[in-house]
N, C-alpha and C. Protein backbone atom coordinates (compact mmCIF):
# COMPACT_ATOMS: atom_id res chain seq x y z
N MET A 1 183.27 71.04 46.51
CA MET A 1 182.48 71.03 47.72
C MET A 1 181.53 69.84 47.68
N ALA A 2 181.33 69.20 48.78
CA ALA A 2 180.54 67.99 48.81
C ALA A 2 179.04 68.25 48.67
N ASP A 3 178.57 69.42 49.14
CA ASP A 3 177.14 69.68 49.09
C ASP A 3 176.69 70.35 47.79
N GLY A 4 177.56 70.52 46.83
CA GLY A 4 177.19 71.08 45.53
C GLY A 4 177.29 72.59 45.45
N THR A 5 177.65 73.28 46.53
CA THR A 5 177.81 74.73 46.47
C THR A 5 179.25 75.06 46.14
N ARG A 6 179.41 76.21 45.53
CA ARG A 6 180.75 76.64 45.18
C ARG A 6 181.15 77.82 46.05
N ALA A 7 182.44 77.97 46.22
CA ALA A 7 182.95 79.14 46.93
C ALA A 7 182.70 80.37 46.03
N PRO A 8 182.39 81.51 46.63
CA PRO A 8 182.14 82.70 45.80
C PRO A 8 183.39 83.09 45.02
N SER A 9 183.16 83.60 43.83
CA SER A 9 184.29 84.00 42.98
C SER A 9 184.95 85.25 43.57
N THR A 10 186.13 85.51 43.07
CA THR A 10 186.86 86.70 43.51
C THR A 10 186.04 87.95 43.20
N ARG A 11 185.45 87.98 42.02
CA ARG A 11 184.63 89.14 41.62
C ARG A 11 183.43 89.32 42.57
N ALA A 12 182.79 88.24 42.95
CA ALA A 12 181.66 88.33 43.87
C ALA A 12 182.10 88.84 45.23
N ARG A 13 183.25 88.38 45.70
CA ARG A 13 183.77 88.86 46.99
C ARG A 13 184.09 90.35 46.91
N GLN A 14 184.67 90.78 45.78
CA GLN A 14 185.00 92.20 45.61
C GLN A 14 183.74 93.06 45.60
N LYS A 15 182.72 92.58 44.89
CA LYS A 15 181.46 93.33 44.82
C LYS A 15 180.82 93.43 46.20
N ARG A 16 180.84 92.33 46.94
CA ARG A 16 180.26 92.33 48.28
C ARG A 16 181.01 93.29 49.19
N ALA A 17 182.34 93.28 49.11
CA ALA A 17 183.15 94.19 49.94
C ALA A 17 182.87 95.64 49.55
N GLN A 18 182.76 95.93 48.25
CA GLN A 18 182.47 97.30 47.81
C GLN A 18 181.08 97.73 48.28
N HIS A 19 180.15 96.82 48.24
CA HIS A 19 178.79 97.12 48.70
C HIS A 19 178.79 97.51 50.17
N GLU A 20 179.53 96.77 50.99
CA GLU A 20 179.62 97.09 52.41
C GLU A 20 180.29 98.44 52.62
N THR A 21 181.32 98.73 51.84
CA THR A 21 181.99 100.03 51.93
C THR A 21 181.03 101.15 51.57
N ASN A 22 180.26 100.95 50.52
CA ASN A 22 179.29 101.96 50.10
C ASN A 22 178.23 102.20 51.17
N LYS A 23 177.74 101.12 51.78
CA LYS A 23 176.74 101.28 52.84
C LYS A 23 177.31 102.08 54.00
N ARG A 24 178.55 101.78 54.39
CA ARG A 24 179.18 102.48 55.50
C ARG A 24 179.34 103.96 55.15
N LEU A 25 179.74 104.26 53.91
CA LEU A 25 179.90 105.64 53.48
C LEU A 25 178.58 106.39 53.52
N ILE A 26 177.51 105.75 53.11
CA ILE A 26 176.19 106.38 53.13
C ILE A 26 175.77 106.68 54.57
N VAL A 27 175.99 105.75 55.47
CA VAL A 27 175.62 105.96 56.87
C VAL A 27 176.43 107.10 57.46
N GLU A 28 177.74 107.14 57.21
CA GLU A 28 178.59 108.20 57.75
C GLU A 28 178.21 109.55 57.17
N THR A 29 177.94 109.60 55.87
CA THR A 29 177.56 110.86 55.23
C THR A 29 176.24 111.37 55.79
N THR A 30 175.29 110.47 55.97
CA THR A 30 173.99 110.85 56.53
C THR A 30 174.16 111.39 57.95
N ALA A 31 175.03 110.78 58.72
CA ALA A 31 175.28 111.25 60.09
C ALA A 31 175.86 112.67 60.08
N TRP A 32 176.81 112.92 59.19
CA TRP A 32 177.40 114.26 59.09
C TRP A 32 176.35 115.29 58.67
N ILE A 33 175.54 114.95 57.69
CA ILE A 33 174.50 115.88 57.22
C ILE A 33 173.52 116.18 58.35
N THR A 34 173.16 115.17 59.12
CA THR A 34 172.24 115.36 60.24
C THR A 34 172.86 116.27 61.30
N ALA A 35 174.14 116.06 61.58
CA ALA A 35 174.82 116.88 62.59
C ALA A 35 174.90 118.34 62.14
N VAL A 36 175.23 118.56 60.88
CA VAL A 36 175.32 119.94 60.37
C VAL A 36 173.95 120.60 60.38
N ALA A 37 172.93 119.86 59.97
CA ALA A 37 171.57 120.42 59.97
C ALA A 37 171.13 120.78 61.39
N ALA A 38 171.47 119.95 62.36
CA ALA A 38 171.11 120.23 63.75
C ALA A 38 171.83 121.49 64.24
N ALA A 39 173.11 121.62 63.90
CA ALA A 39 173.87 122.80 64.32
C ALA A 39 173.29 124.07 63.68
N LEU A 40 172.94 124.00 62.42
CA LEU A 40 172.35 125.17 61.75
C LEU A 40 171.00 125.52 62.36
N THR A 41 170.23 124.52 62.70
CA THR A 41 168.92 124.76 63.31
C THR A 41 169.08 125.44 64.67
N VAL A 42 170.00 124.95 65.47
CA VAL A 42 170.24 125.55 66.79
C VAL A 42 170.72 126.99 66.62
N GLY A 43 171.61 127.22 65.68
CA GLY A 43 172.11 128.58 65.43
C GLY A 43 171.00 129.51 64.97
N LEU A 44 170.16 129.04 64.08
CA LEU A 44 169.04 129.84 63.59
C LEU A 44 168.07 130.17 64.72
N GLU A 45 167.75 129.17 65.52
CA GLU A 45 166.84 129.42 66.65
C GLU A 45 167.45 130.40 67.64
N ALA A 46 168.75 130.31 67.88
CA ALA A 46 169.41 131.24 68.79
C ALA A 46 169.38 132.65 68.21
N GLY A 47 169.58 132.77 66.92
CA GLY A 47 169.52 134.08 66.28
C GLY A 47 168.13 134.68 66.35
N ILE A 48 167.13 133.87 66.13
CA ILE A 48 165.75 134.36 66.22
C ILE A 48 165.43 134.78 67.65
N ALA A 49 165.85 133.98 68.61
CA ALA A 49 165.58 134.30 70.02
C ALA A 49 166.29 135.60 70.40
N ALA A 50 167.52 135.80 69.94
CA ALA A 50 168.27 137.00 70.27
C ALA A 50 167.62 138.23 69.64
N SER A 51 167.15 138.10 68.42
CA SER A 51 166.54 139.26 67.76
C SER A 51 165.17 139.57 68.35
N ALA A 52 164.52 138.56 68.89
CA ALA A 52 163.19 138.78 69.48
C ALA A 52 163.29 139.55 70.79
N THR A 53 164.42 139.46 71.48
CA THR A 53 164.56 140.15 72.76
C THR A 53 165.27 141.49 72.60
N ALA A 54 165.67 141.86 71.39
CA ALA A 54 166.35 143.14 71.17
C ALA A 54 165.37 144.28 71.42
N PRO A 55 165.87 145.40 71.96
CA PRO A 55 164.97 146.52 72.21
C PRO A 55 164.43 147.07 70.88
N ASP A 56 163.19 147.53 70.94
CA ASP A 56 162.59 148.10 69.73
C ASP A 56 163.23 149.45 69.43
N VAL A 57 163.69 149.58 68.21
CA VAL A 57 164.29 150.83 67.77
C VAL A 57 163.36 151.43 66.74
N PRO A 58 162.90 152.64 66.96
CA PRO A 58 162.00 153.21 65.97
C PRO A 58 162.71 153.40 64.63
N ARG A 59 162.03 153.02 63.60
CA ARG A 59 162.58 153.15 62.27
C ARG A 59 162.22 154.52 61.71
N VAL A 60 163.17 155.15 61.09
CA VAL A 60 162.94 156.47 60.51
C VAL A 60 163.19 156.36 59.01
N THR A 61 162.21 156.78 58.25
CA THR A 61 162.37 156.76 56.79
C THR A 61 163.23 157.95 56.37
N PRO A 62 163.84 157.91 55.20
CA PRO A 62 164.66 159.04 54.75
C PRO A 62 163.88 160.36 54.71
N ILE A 63 162.62 160.32 54.36
CA ILE A 63 161.83 161.56 54.31
C ILE A 63 161.62 162.11 55.71
N GLU A 64 161.30 161.24 56.66
CA GLU A 64 161.13 161.69 58.05
C GLU A 64 162.43 162.29 58.58
N TYR A 65 163.55 161.67 58.25
CA TYR A 65 164.85 162.15 58.71
C TYR A 65 165.14 163.53 58.11
N GLN A 66 164.79 163.71 56.86
CA GLN A 66 165.04 164.96 56.17
C GLN A 66 164.30 166.12 56.84
N TYR A 67 163.07 165.88 57.28
CA TYR A 67 162.26 166.95 57.88
C TYR A 67 162.50 167.11 59.38
N SER A 68 163.25 166.20 59.99
CA SER A 68 163.48 166.31 61.42
C SER A 68 164.72 167.15 61.72
N ARG A 69 165.49 167.51 60.73
CA ARG A 69 166.71 168.29 60.97
C ARG A 69 166.49 169.76 60.92
């Protein structure tokens, strides 16, 4: 090369390509984790909302049940 720089070695190109692959994998994995967390959060909130609107059922302890018969 006329300006004194060299072309990158094969090993350097391989490392750079692997680095880009790793970055892409990290981004995709993070996106999946975020999507799953969002779905679980929505499901949990829906479950809480559904249980909050359920009619109140009086709880009877085993001793109370025993004496009510």
